[in-house]
Amino acid sequence: MGFPSLWVSVVGKHHPDIYTAIGEIQKEQGYTEVCITELAMGKKVKAAPTKKWNELQRRLEAIAAEYNRPTLEYLRAIGANVNIS
């Protein structure tokens, strides 16, 4: 996912006005500060994977197991560009 599509998913607009952009950046900063504080207190920030995610992960691993080593490395390299919604 490149920066423009990430920006649109965060802000909800391709060309937000300055106040919307600043507001979204401030919300992200607040969320990040809360996460840092929770980590410092020893809490988990990220939720545990759901049953749906675990099943998807198992299916993807089974598919990847069918490929030889260079293909698997290729799939891992392009995996960062795939958005599963």
PDB file of N, CA and C in Angstrom:
ATOM      1  N   MET A   1       0.853  -1.170   0.000  1.00  0.00           N
ATOM      2  CA  MET A   1       0.000   0.000   0.000  1.00  0.00           C
ATOM      3  C   MET A   1       0.894   1.226   0.000  1.00  0.00           C
ATOM      4  N   GLY A   2       0.773   2.056  -1.017  1.00  0.00           N
ATOM      5  CA  GLY A   2       1.597   3.241  -1.115  1.00  0.00           C
ATOM      6  C   GLY A   2       1.063   4.372  -0.260  1.00  0.00           C
ATOM      7  N   PHE A   3       1.821   5.446  -0.189  1.00  0.00           N
ATOM      8  CA  PHE A   3       1.442   6.583   0.645  1.00  0.00           C
ATOM      9  C   PHE A   3       0.096   7.179   0.269  1.00  0.00           C
ATOM     10  N   PRO A   4      -0.194   7.457  -1.023  1.00  0.00           N
ATOM     11  CA  PRO A   4      -1.490   8.071  -1.336  1.00  0.00           C
ATOM     12  C   PRO A   4      -2.683   7.232  -0.900  1.00  0.00           C
ATOM     13  N   SER A   5      -2.654   5.916  -1.137  1.00  0.00           N
ATOM     14  CA  SER A   5      -3.793   5.104  -0.736  1.00  0.00           C
ATOM     15  C   SER A   5      -3.866   4.982   0.778  1.00  0.00           C
ATOM     16  N   LEU A   6      -2.714   4.969   1.451  1.00  0.00           N
ATOM     17  CA  LEU A   6      -2.700   4.960   2.915  1.00  0.00           C
ATOM     18  C   LEU A   6      -3.304   6.253   3.446  1.00  0.00           C
ATOM     19  N   TRP A   7      -2.924   7.360   2.844  1.00  0.00           N
ATOM     20  CA  TRP A   7      -3.438   8.663   3.261  1.00  0.00           C
ATOM     21  C   TRP A   7      -4.956   8.716   3.097  1.00  0.00           C
ATOM     22  N   VAL A   8      -5.456   8.232   1.982  1.00  0.00           N
ATOM     23  CA  VAL A   8      -6.898   8.235   1.729  1.00  0.00           C
ATOM     24  C   VAL A   8      -7.605   7.347   2.749  1.00  0.00           C
ATOM     25  N   SER A   9      -7.013   6.203   3.096  1.00  0.00           N
ATOM     26  CA  SER A   9      -7.662   5.323   4.068  1.00  0.00           C
ATOM     27  C   SER A   9      -7.679   5.944   5.457  1.00  0.00           C
ATOM     28  N   VAL A  10      -6.687   6.761   5.785  1.00  0.00           N
ATOM     29  CA  VAL A  10      -6.643   7.407   7.101  1.00  0.00           C
ATOM     30  C   VAL A  10      -7.563   8.621   7.134  1.00  0.00           C
ATOM     31  N   VAL A  11      -7.445   9.481   6.134  1.00  0.00           N
ATOM     32  CA  VAL A  11      -8.191  10.735   6.127  1.00  0.00           C
ATOM     33  C   VAL A  11      -9.573  10.579   5.516  1.00  0.00           C
ATOM     34  N   GLY A  12      -9.696   9.713   4.518  1.00  0.00           N
ATOM     35  CA  GLY A  12     -10.988   9.513   3.884  1.00  0.00           C
ATOM     36  C   GLY A  12     -11.206  10.380   2.667  1.00  0.00           C
ATOM     37  N   LYS A  13     -10.186  11.151   2.278  1.00  0.00           N
ATOM     38  CA  LYS A  13     -10.293  12.036   1.120  1.00  0.00           C
ATOM     39  C   LYS A  13      -8.970  12.015   0.366  1.00  0.00           C
ATOM     40  N   HIS A  14      -9.050  12.213  -0.955  1.00  0.00           N
ATOM     41  CA  HIS A  14      -7.826  12.324  -1.753  1.00  0.00           C
ATOM     42  C   HIS A  14      -7.157  13.675  -1.521  1.00  0.00           C
ATOM     43  N   HIS A  15      -7.946  14.727  -1.387  1.00  0.00           N
ATOM     44  CA  HIS A  15      -7.408  16.076  -1.227  1.00  0.00           C
ATOM     45  C   HIS A  15      -8.103  16.764  -0.050  1.00  0.00           C
ATOM     46  N   PRO A  16      -7.719  16.408   1.190  1.00  0.00           N
ATOM     47  CA  PRO A  16      -8.377  17.024   2.343  1.00  0.00           C
ATOM     48  C   PRO A  16      -7.920  18.469   2.534  1.00  0.00           C
ATOM     49  N   ASP A  17      -8.772  19.268   3.180  1.00  0.00           N
ATOM     50  CA  ASP A  17      -8.352  20.629   3.506  1.00  0.00           C
ATOM     51  C   ASP A  17      -7.327  20.549   4.643  1.00  0.00           C
ATOM     52  N   ILE A  18      -6.649  21.625   4.907  1.00  0.00           N
ATOM     53  CA  ILE A  18      -5.549  21.627   5.878  1.00  0.00           C
ATOM     54  C   ILE A  18      -6.028  21.268   7.283  1.00  0.00           C
ATOM     55  N   TYR A  19      -7.220  21.696   7.657  1.00  0.00           N
ATOM     56  CA  TYR A  19      -7.721  21.424   9.002  1.00  0.00           C
ATOM     57  C   TYR A  19      -8.036  19.940   9.198  1.00  0.00           C
ATOM     58  N   THR A  20      -8.575  19.315   8.165  1.00  0.00           N
ATOM     59  CA  THR A  20      -8.838  17.878   8.235  1.00  0.00           C
ATOM     60  C   THR A  20      -7.531  17.112   8.334  1.00  0.00           C
ATOM     61  N   ALA A  21      -6.550  17.494   7.531  1.00  0.00           N
ATOM     62  CA  ALA A  21      -5.251  16.817   7.556  1.00  0.00           C
ATOM     63  C   ALA A  21      -4.579  16.966   8.914  1.00  0.00           C
ATOM     64  N   ILE A  22      -4.564  18.173   9.456  1.00  0.00           N
ATOM     65  CA  ILE A  22      -3.947  18.404  10.771  1.00  0.00           C
ATOM     66  C   ILE A  22      -4.686  17.627  11.848  1.00  0.00           C
ATOM     67  N   GLY A  23      -6.007  17.608  11.784  1.00  0.00           N
ATOM     68  CA  GLY A  23      -6.794  16.862  12.772  1.00  0.00           C
ATOM     69  C   GLY A  23      -6.478  15.381  12.751  1.00  0.00           C
ATOM     70  N   GLU A  24      -6.345  14.808  11.559  1.00  0.00           N
ATOM     71  CA  GLU A  24      -6.020  13.382  11.450  1.00  0.00           C
ATOM     72  C   GLU A  24      -4.611  13.091  11.952  1.00  0.00           C
ATOM     73  N   ILE A  25      -3.680  13.979  11.661  1.00  0.00           N
ATOM     74  CA  ILE A  25      -2.312  13.804  12.156  1.00  0.00           C
ATOM     75  C   ILE A  25      -2.295  13.885  13.685  1.00  0.00           C
ATOM     76  N   GLN A  26      -3.061  14.806  14.267  1.00  0.00           N
ATOM     77  CA  GLN A  26      -3.140  14.923  15.723  1.00  0.00           C
ATOM     78  C   GLN A  26      -3.755  13.675  16.346  1.00  0.00           C
ATOM     79  N   LYS A  27      -4.785  13.110  15.706  1.00  0.00           N
ATOM     80  CA  LYS A  27      -5.377  11.874  16.224  1.00  0.00           C
ATOM     81  C   LYS A  27      -4.361  10.738  16.199  1.00  0.00           C
ATOM     82  N   GLU A  28      -3.615  10.639  15.112  1.00  0.00           N
ATOM     83  CA  GLU A  28      -2.587   9.593  14.991  1.00  0.00           C
ATOM     84  C   GLU A  28      -1.501   9.778  16.047  1.00  0.00           C
ATOM     85  N   GLN A  29      -1.102  11.016  16.295  1.00  0.00           N
ATOM     86  CA  GLN A  29      -0.102  11.284  17.321  1.00  0.00           C
ATOM     87  C   GLN A  29      -0.628  10.874  18.696  1.00  0.00           C
ATOM     88  N   GLY A  30      -1.875  11.202  18.978  1.00  0.00           N
ATOM     89  CA  GLY A  30      -2.472  10.817  20.253  1.00  0.00           C
ATOM     90  C   GLY A  30      -2.512   9.307  20.421  1.00  0.00           C
ATOM     91  N   TYR A  31      -2.919   8.603  19.371  1.00  0.00           N
ATOM     92  CA  TYR A  31      -2.969   7.140  19.416  1.00  0.00           C
ATOM     93  C   TYR A  31      -1.579   6.564  19.657  1.00  0.00           C
ATOM     94  N   THR A  32      -0.577   7.117  18.968  1.00  0.00           N
ATOM     95  CA  THR A  32       0.794   6.639  19.124  1.00  0.00           C
ATOM     96  C   THR A  32       1.291   6.872  20.548  1.00  0.00           C
ATOM     97  N   GLU A  33       0.992   8.022  21.119  1.00  0.00           N
ATOM     98  CA  GLU A  33       1.419   8.313  22.489  1.00  0.00           C
ATOM     99  C   GLU A  33       0.753   7.370  23.490  1.00  0.00           C
ATOM    100  N   VAL A  34      -0.506   7.043  23.267  1.00  0.00           N
ATOM    101  CA  VAL A  34      -1.190   6.086  24.138  1.00  0.00           C
ATOM    102  C   VAL A  34      -0.533   4.712  24.032  1.00  0.00           C
ATOM    103  N   CYS A  35      -0.214   4.294  22.813  1.00  0.00           N
ATOM    104  CA  CYS A  35       0.450   3.002  22.615  1.00  0.00           C
ATOM    105  C   CYS A  35       1.797   2.959  23.321  1.00  0.00           C
ATOM    106  N   ILE A  36       2.567   4.034  23.223  1.00  0.00           N
ATOM    107  CA  ILE A  36       3.876   4.093  23.880  1.00  0.00           C
ATOM    108  C   ILE A  36       3.707   4.001  25.388  1.00  0.00           C
ATOM    109  N   THR A  37       2.732   4.699  25.933  1.00  0.00           N
ATOM    110  CA  THR A  37       2.476   4.647  27.374  1.00  0.00           C
ATOM    111  C   THR A  37       2.068   3.251  27.805  1.00  0.00           C
ATOM    112  N   GLU A  38       1.192   2.614  27.042  1.00  0.00           N
ATOM    113  CA  GLU A  38       0.760   1.250  27.376  1.00  0.00           C
ATOM    114  C   GLU A  38       1.923   0.268  27.294  1.00  0.00           C
ATOM    115  N   LEU A  39       2.775   0.414  26.304  1.00  0.00           N
ATOM    116  CA  LEU A  39       3.951  -0.453  26.205  1.00  0.00           C
ATOM    117  C   LEU A  39       4.874  -0.252  27.405  1.00  0.00           C
ATOM    118  N   ALA A  40       5.050   0.999  27.827  1.00  0.00           N
ATOM    119  CA  ALA A  40       5.904   1.287  28.982  1.00  0.00           C
ATOM    120  C   ALA A  40       5.343   0.666  30.256  1.00  0.00           C
ATOM    121  N   MET A  41       4.013   0.514  30.315  1.00  0.00           N
ATOM    122  CA  MET A  41       3.370  -0.100  31.484  1.00  0.00           C
ATOM    123  C   MET A  41       3.320  -1.612  31.368  1.00  0.00           C
ATOM    124  N   GLY A  42       3.799  -2.164  30.258  1.00  0.00           N
ATOM    125  CA  GLY A  42       3.824  -3.605  30.081  1.00  0.00           C
ATOM    126  C   GLY A  42       2.549  -4.190  29.501  1.00  0.00           C
ATOM    127  N   LYS A  43       1.674  -3.366  28.998  1.00  0.00           N
ATOM    128  CA  LYS A  43       0.427  -3.863  28.409  1.00  0.00           C
ATOM    129  C   LYS A  43       0.633  -4.206  26.942  1.00  0.00           C
ATOM    130  N   LYS A  44      -0.218  -5.076  26.430  1.00  0.00           N
ATOM    131  CA  LYS A  44      -0.211  -5.384  25.010  1.00  0.00           C
ATOM    132  C   LYS A  44      -0.998  -4.301  24.286  1.00  0.00           C
ATOM    133  N   VAL A  45      -0.438  -3.812  23.208  1.00  0.00           N
ATOM    134  CA  VAL A  45      -1.100  -2.752  22.446  1.00  0.00           C
ATOM    135  C   VAL A  45      -1.990  -3.349  21.370  1.00  0.00           C
ATOM    136  N   LYS A  46      -1.487  -4.380  20.722  1.00  0.00           N
ATOM    137  CA  LYS A  46      -2.199  -4.974  19.603  1.00  0.00           C
ATOM    138  C   LYS A  46      -3.073  -6.122  20.097  1.00  0.00           C
ATOM    139  N   ALA A  47      -4.263  -6.207  19.555  1.00  0.00           N
ATOM    140  CA  ALA A  47      -5.181  -7.284  19.920  1.00  0.00           C
ATOM    141  C   ALA A  47      -4.679  -8.615  19.356  1.00  0.00           C
ATOM    142  N   ALA A  48      -5.031  -9.691  20.021  1.00  0.00           N
ATOM    143  CA  ALA A  48      -4.663 -11.022  19.543  1.00  0.00           C
ATOM    144  C   ALA A  48      -5.365 -11.303  18.221  1.00  0.00           C
ATOM    145  N   PRO A  49      -4.737 -12.084  17.335  1.00  0.00           N
ATOM    146  CA  PRO A  49      -5.365 -12.389  16.048  1.00  0.00           C
ATOM    147  C   PRO A  49      -6.706 -13.113  16.239  1.00  0.00           C
ATOM    148  N   THR A  50      -7.641 -12.796  15.374  1.00  0.00           N
ATOM    149  CA  THR A  50      -8.954 -13.424  15.441  1.00  0.00           C
ATOM    150  C   THR A  50      -8.915 -14.810  14.799  1.00  0.00           C
ATOM    151  N   LYS A  51      -9.983 -15.567  15.004  1.00  0.00           N
ATOM    152  CA  LYS A  51     -10.082 -16.895  14.414  1.00  0.00           C
ATOM    153  C   LYS A  51     -10.028 -16.791  12.885  1.00  0.00           C
ATOM    154  N   LYS A  52     -10.687 -15.773  12.336  1.00  0.00           N
ATOM    155  CA  LYS A  52     -10.696 -15.563  10.890  1.00  0.00           C
ATOM    156  C   LYS A  52      -9.275 -15.337  10.371  1.00  0.00           C
ATOM    157  N   TRP A  53      -8.500 -14.512  11.070  1.00  0.00           N
ATOM    158  CA  TRP A  53      -7.128 -14.237  10.662  1.00  0.00           C
ATOM    159  C   TRP A  53      -6.274 -15.503  10.739  1.00  0.00           C
ATOM    160  N   ASN A  54      -6.431 -16.268  11.807  1.00  0.00           N
ATOM    161  CA  ASN A  54      -5.656 -17.499  11.960  1.00  0.00           C
ATOM    162  C   ASN A  54      -5.964 -18.486  10.825  1.00  0.00           C
ATOM    163  N   GLU A  55      -7.231 -18.597  10.453  1.00  0.00           N
ATOM    164  CA  GLU A  55      -7.620 -19.489   9.356  1.00  0.00           C
ATOM    165  C   GLU A  55      -7.016 -19.006   8.037  1.00  0.00           C
ATOM    166  N   LEU A  56      -7.074 -17.716   7.787  1.00  0.00           N
ATOM    167  CA  LEU A  56      -6.491 -17.156   6.578  1.00  0.00           C
ATOM    168  C   LEU A  56      -4.984 -17.414   6.547  1.00  0.00           C
ATOM    169  N   GLN A  57      -4.323 -17.236   7.665  1.00  0.00           N
ATOM    170  CA  GLN A  57      -2.887 -17.473   7.747  1.00  0.00           C
ATOM    171  C   GLN A  57      -2.556 -18.933   7.429  1.00  0.00           C
ATOM    172  N   ARG A  58      -3.329 -19.864   7.974  1.00  0.00           N
ATOM    173  CA  ARG A  58      -3.102 -21.288   7.692  1.00  0.00           C
ATOM    174  C   ARG A  58      -3.296 -21.597   6.206  1.00  0.00           C
ATOM    175  N   ARG A  59      -4.329 -21.009   5.592  1.00  0.00           N
ATOM    176  CA  ARG A  59      -4.575 -21.235   4.169  1.00  0.00           C
ATOM    177  C   ARG A  59      -3.429 -20.697   3.315  1.00  0.00           C
ATOM    178  N   LEU A  60      -2.949 -19.498   3.650  1.00  0.00           N
ATOM    179  CA  LEU A  60      -1.841 -18.911   2.904  1.00  0.00           C
ATOM    180  C   LEU A  60      -0.567 -19.738   3.059  1.00  0.00           C
ATOM    181  N   GLU A  61      -0.314 -20.239   4.262  1.00  0.00           N
ATOM    182  CA  GLU A  61       0.867 -21.076   4.484  1.00  0.00           C
ATOM    183  C   GLU A  61       0.772 -22.376   3.691  1.00  0.00           C
ATOM    184  N   ALA A  62      -0.418 -22.945   3.594  1.00  0.00           N
ATOM    185  CA  ALA A  62      -0.600 -24.180   2.824  1.00  0.00           C
ATOM    186  C   ALA A  62      -0.349 -23.929   1.337  1.00  0.00           C
ATOM    187  N   ILE A  63      -0.830 -22.797   0.837  1.00  0.00           N
ATOM    188  CA  ILE A  63      -0.601 -22.451  -0.570  1.00  0.00           C
ATOM    189  C   ILE A  63       0.888 -22.216  -0.814  1.00  0.00           C
ATOM    190  N   ALA A  64       1.536 -21.475   0.077  1.00  0.00           N
ATOM    191  CA  ALA A  64       2.960 -21.172  -0.082  1.00  0.00           C
ATOM    192  C   ALA A  64       3.809 -22.429  -0.005  1.00  0.00           C
ATOM    193  N   ALA A  65       3.377 -23.422   0.777  1.00  0.00           N
ATOM    194  CA  ALA A  65       4.139 -24.669   0.924  1.00  0.00           C
ATOM    195  C   ALA A  65       4.209 -25.442  -0.394  1.00  0.00           C
ATOM    196  N   GLU A  66       3.285 -25.190  -1.296  1.00  0.00           N
ATOM    197  CA  GLU A  66       3.273 -25.873  -2.585  1.00  0.00           C
ATOM    198  C   GLU A  66       4.316 -25.312  -3.562  1.00  0.00           C
ATOM    199  N   TYR A  67       4.872 -24.141  -3.273  1.00  0.00           N
ATOM    200  CA  TYR A  67       5.826 -23.503  -4.175  1.00  0.00           C
ATOM    201  C   TYR A  67       7.257 -23.807  -3.754  1.00  0.00           C
ATOM    202  N   ASN A  68       8.169 -23.719  -4.728  1.00  0.00           N
ATOM    203  CA  ASN A  68       9.580 -23.918  -4.418  1.00  0.00           C
ATOM    204  C   ASN A  68      10.159 -22.661  -3.760  1.00  0.00           C
ATOM    205  N   ARG A  69      11.374 -22.727  -3.308  1.00  0.00           N
ATOM    206  CA  ARG A  69      11.996 -21.649  -2.522  1.00  0.00           C
ATOM    207  C   ARG A  69      12.008 -20.285  -3.218  1.00  0.00           C
ATOM    208  N   PRO A  70      12.469 -20.150  -4.466  1.00  0.00           N
ATOM    209  CA  PRO A  70      12.485 -18.813  -5.091  1.00  0.00           C
ATOM    210  C   PRO A  70      11.089 -18.203  -5.210  1.00  0.00           C
ATOM    211  N   THR A  71      10.101 -19.017  -5.496  1.00  0.00           N
ATOM    212  CA  THR A  71       8.738 -18.507  -5.614  1.00  0.00           C
ATOM    213  C   THR A  71       8.232 -18.030  -4.263  1.00  0.00           C
ATOM    214  N   LEU A  72       8.536 -18.768  -3.211  1.00  0.00           N
ATOM    215  CA  LEU A  72       8.112 -18.377  -1.863  1.00  0.00           C
ATOM    216  C   LEU A  72       8.751 -17.049  -1.469  1.00  0.00           C
ATOM    217  N   GLU A  73      10.023 -16.870  -1.785  1.00  0.00           N
ATOM    218  CA  GLU A  73      10.696 -15.599  -1.488  1.00  0.00           C
ATOM    219  C   GLU A  73      10.051 -14.459  -2.268  1.00  0.00           C
ATOM    220  N   TYR A  74       9.670 -14.725  -3.513  1.00  0.00           N
ATOM    221  CA  TYR A  74       8.985 -13.722  -4.332  1.00  0.00           C
ATOM    222  C   TYR A  74       7.638 -13.351  -3.702  1.00  0.00           C
ATOM    223  N   LEU A  75       6.892 -14.359  -3.268  1.00  0.00           N
ATOM    224  CA  LEU A  75       5.589 -14.098  -2.654  1.00  0.00           C
ATOM    225  C   LEU A  75       5.734 -13.274  -1.384  1.00  0.00           C
ATOM    226  N   ARG A  76       6.748 -13.569  -0.600  1.00  0.00           N
ATOM    227  CA  ARG A  76       6.983 -12.777   0.621  1.00  0.00           C
ATOM    228  C   ARG A  76       7.349 -11.341   0.269  1.00  0.00           C
ATOM    229  N   ALA A  77       8.139 -11.160  -0.782  1.00  0.00           N
ATOM    230  CA  ALA A  77       8.569  -9.824  -1.182  1.00  0.00           C
ATOM    231  C   ALA A  77       7.385  -8.975  -1.635  1.00  0.00           C
ATOM    232  N   ILE A  78       6.442  -9.571  -2.340  1.00  0.00           N
ATOM    233  CA  ILE A  78       5.298  -8.787  -2.810  1.00  0.00           C
ATOM    234  C   ILE A  78       4.170  -8.747  -1.782  1.00  0.00           C
ATOM    235  N   GLY A  79       4.290  -9.519  -0.715  1.00  0.00           N
ATOM    236  CA  GLY A  79       3.232  -9.586   0.295  1.00  0.00           C
ATOM    237  C   GLY A  79       2.907  -8.256   0.935  1.00  0.00           C
ATOM    238  N   ALA A  80       3.890  -7.369   1.016  1.00  0.00           N
ATOM    239  CA  ALA A  80       3.657  -6.057   1.634  1.00  0.00           C
ATOM    240  C   ALA A  80       2.726  -5.199   0.791  1.00  0.00           C
ATOM    241  N   ASN A  81       2.550  -5.553  -0.471  1.00  0.00           N
ATOM    242  CA  ASN A  81       1.709  -4.750  -1.361  1.00  0.00           C
ATOM    243  C   ASN A  81       0.275  -5.252  -1.450  1.00  0.00           C
ATOM    244  N   VAL A  82      -0.056  -6.304  -0.713  1.00  0.00           N
ATOM    245  CA  VAL A  82      -1.382  -6.892  -0.773  1.00  0.00           C
ATOM    246  C   VAL A  82      -2.208  -6.368   0.391  1.00  0.00           C
ATOM    247  N   ASN A  83      -3.414  -5.936   0.106  1.00  0.00           N
ATOM    248  CA  ASN A  83      -4.321  -5.428   1.129  1.00  0.00           C
ATOM    249  C   ASN A  83      -5.498  -6.358   1.236  1.00  0.00           C
ATOM    250  N   ILE A  84      -5.632  -7.042   2.382  1.00  0.00           N
ATOM    251  CA  ILE A  84      -6.745  -7.964   2.611  1.00  0.00           C
ATOM    252  C   ILE A  84      -7.754  -7.254   3.499  1.00  0.00           C
ATOM    253  N   SER A  85      -8.936  -7.050   2.967  1.00  0.00           N
ATOM    254  CA  SER A  85      -9.959  -6.330   3.733  1.00  0.00           C
ATOM    255  C   SER A  85     -11.135  -7.220   3.974  1.00  0.00           C
TER     256      SER A  85
END
